[in-house]
Amino acid sequence: MVNLIITIVVGAIIGWVAGIIMKDQGSLLRNIIIGVLAGALSGWLLAPRGLILGLACEIAVACLLIYLCKKIFK
C-alpha cells in the first residue's frame, strides 16, 4: 500500500515537471497518469541506473507522452 502511494506521488511530481517543461495546462489526474506511465515505461524500456538518471529518464518519457497526447487528442 505504501509503494502505491509513493508511486502516485512521484508520478504526480514527474507529470507536473513534464507539464511545466512542455508548457502544458493538463489536469492533475492526467499528470498523475502520465507520470506513472512514464515511470513504468522508462523502467521497463530503459532500465536506468541510479536515482538521478532514473528521474531524468522518467521526465523525458513523460514529456514524450505529453507530446503524443497533444498530437493524438488535438
C-alpha atoms as a PDB file:
ATOM      1  CA  MET A   1       0.000   0.000   0.000  1.00  0.00           C
ATOM      2  CA  VAL A   2       2.839   2.378   0.822  1.00  0.00           C
ATOM      3  CA  ASN A   3       4.525   1.605  -2.516  1.00  0.00           C
ATOM      4  CA  LEU A   4       1.327   2.514  -4.361  1.00  0.00           C
ATOM      5  CA  ILE A   5       1.108   5.861  -2.561  1.00  0.00           C
ATOM      6  CA  ILE A   6       4.775   6.605  -3.271  1.00  0.00           C
ATOM      7  CA  THR A   7       4.290   5.673  -6.940  1.00  0.00           C
ATOM      8  CA  ILE A   8       1.308   8.013  -7.243  1.00  0.00           C
ATOM      9  CA  VAL A   9       3.103  10.900  -5.528  1.00  0.00           C
ATOM     10  CA  VAL A  10       6.291  10.500  -7.581  1.00  0.00           C
ATOM     11  CA  GLY A  11       4.201  10.075 -10.740  1.00  0.00           C
ATOM     12  CA  ALA A  12       2.321  13.275  -9.970  1.00  0.00           C
ATOM     13  CA  ILE A  13       5.561  15.178  -9.445  1.00  0.00           C
ATOM     14  CA  ILE A  14       7.078  13.806 -12.645  1.00  0.00           C
ATOM     15  CA  GLY A  15       3.907  14.604 -14.603  1.00  0.00           C
ATOM     16  CA  TRP A  16       3.859  18.110 -13.122  1.00  0.00           C
ATOM     17  CA  VAL A  17       7.516  18.763 -14.035  1.00  0.00           C
ATOM     18  CA  ALA A  18       6.978  17.395 -17.543  1.00  0.00           C
ATOM     19  CA  GLY A  19       3.892  19.624 -17.875  1.00  0.00           C
ATOM     20  CA  ILE A  20       5.992  22.654 -16.951  1.00  0.00           C
ATOM     21  CA  ILE A  21       8.710  21.682 -19.424  1.00  0.00           C
ATOM     22  CA  MET A  22       6.170  21.118 -22.214  1.00  0.00           C
ATOM     23  CA  LYS A  23       4.146  24.231 -21.219  1.00  0.00           C
ATOM     24  CA  ASP A  24       1.035  22.074 -20.886  1.00  0.00           C
ATOM     25  CA  GLN A  25      -2.035  23.014 -18.836  1.00  0.00           C
ATOM     26  CA  GLY A  26      -3.229  19.451 -18.171  1.00  0.00           C
ATOM     27  CA  SER A  27      -5.193  18.362 -15.142  1.00  0.00           C
ATOM     28  CA  LEU A  28      -3.626  16.826 -12.047  1.00  0.00           C
ATOM     29  CA  LEU A  29      -5.218  13.455 -12.783  1.00  0.00           C
ATOM     30  CA  ARG A  30      -3.760  13.410 -16.290  1.00  0.00           C
ATOM     31  CA  ASN A  31      -0.349  14.400 -14.906  1.00  0.00           C
ATOM     32  CA  ILE A  32      -0.514  11.539 -12.397  1.00  0.00           C
ATOM     33  CA  ILE A  33      -1.458   9.045 -15.107  1.00  0.00           C
ATOM     34  CA  ILE A  34       1.265  10.277 -17.462  1.00  0.00           C
ATOM     35  CA  GLY A  35       3.842  10.307 -14.661  1.00  0.00           C
ATOM     36  CA  VAL A  36       3.035   6.757 -13.545  1.00  0.00           C
ATOM     37  CA  LEU A  37       3.058   5.516 -17.160  1.00  0.00           C
ATOM     38  CA  ALA A  38       6.353   7.294 -17.778  1.00  0.00           C
ATOM     39  CA  GLY A  39       7.878   5.671 -14.704  1.00  0.00           C
ATOM     40  CA  ALA A  40       6.739   2.231 -15.805  1.00  0.00           C
ATOM     41  CA  LEU A  41       7.870   2.722 -19.407  1.00  0.00           C
ATOM     42  CA  SER A  42      11.268   4.162 -18.546  1.00  0.00           C
ATOM     43  CA  GLY A  43      11.909   1.414 -16.014  1.00  0.00           C
ATOM     44  CA  TRP A  44      10.860  -1.270 -18.470  1.00  0.00           C
ATOM     45  CA  LEU A  45      12.440   0.078 -21.669  1.00  0.00           C
ATOM     46  CA  LEU A  46      15.475   1.996 -20.464  1.00  0.00           C
ATOM     47  CA  ALA A  47      16.320   0.346 -17.103  1.00  0.00           C
ATOM     48  CA  PRO A  48      18.268   3.384 -15.843  1.00  0.00           C
ATOM     49  CA  ARG A  49      20.824   3.018 -13.061  1.00  0.00           C
ATOM     50  CA  GLY A  50      20.655   5.431 -10.151  1.00  0.00           C
ATOM     51  CA  LEU A  51      18.128   7.906  -8.821  1.00  0.00           C
ATOM     52  CA  ILE A  52      19.079  10.987 -10.848  1.00  0.00           C
ATOM     53  CA  LEU A  53      19.318   9.147 -14.168  1.00  0.00           C
ATOM     54  CA  GLY A  54      16.062   7.324 -13.424  1.00  0.00           C
ATOM     55  CA  LEU A  55      14.204  10.562 -12.700  1.00  0.00           C
ATOM     56  CA  ALA A  56      15.664  12.203 -15.808  1.00  0.00           C
ATOM     57  CA  CYS A  57      14.533   9.266 -17.948  1.00  0.00           C
ATOM     58  CA  GLU A  58      11.055   9.340 -16.394  1.00  0.00           C
ATOM     59  CA  ILE A  59      10.710  13.068 -17.060  1.00  0.00           C
ATOM     60  CA  ALA A  60      11.902  12.611 -20.660  1.00  0.00           C
ATOM     61  CA  VAL A  61       9.383   9.810 -21.244  1.00  0.00           C
ATOM     62  CA  ALA A  62       6.640  11.897 -19.599  1.00  0.00           C
ATOM     63  CA  CYS A  63       7.457  14.792 -21.962  1.00  0.00           C
ATOM     64  CA  LEU A  64       7.219  12.391 -24.885  1.00  0.00           C
ATOM     65  CA  LEU A  65       3.850  11.100 -23.642  1.00  0.00           C
ATOM     66  CA  ILE A  66       2.520  14.651 -23.236  1.00  0.00           C
ATOM     67  CA  TYR A  67       3.645  15.448 -26.770  1.00  0.00           C
ATOM     68  CA  LEU A  68       1.947  12.328 -28.132  1.00  0.00           C
ATOM     69  CA  CYS A  69      -1.257  13.081 -26.200  1.00  0.00           C
ATOM     70  CA  LYS A  70      -1.310  16.601 -27.637  1.00  0.00           C
ATOM     71  CA  LYS A  71      -0.929  15.265 -31.172  1.00  0.00           C
ATOM     72  CA  ILE A  72      -3.442  12.441 -30.803  1.00  0.00           C
ATOM     73  CA  PHE A  73      -6.203  14.330 -28.960  1.00  0.00           C
ATOM     74  CA  LYS A  74      -5.948  17.641 -30.786  1.00  0.00           C
END
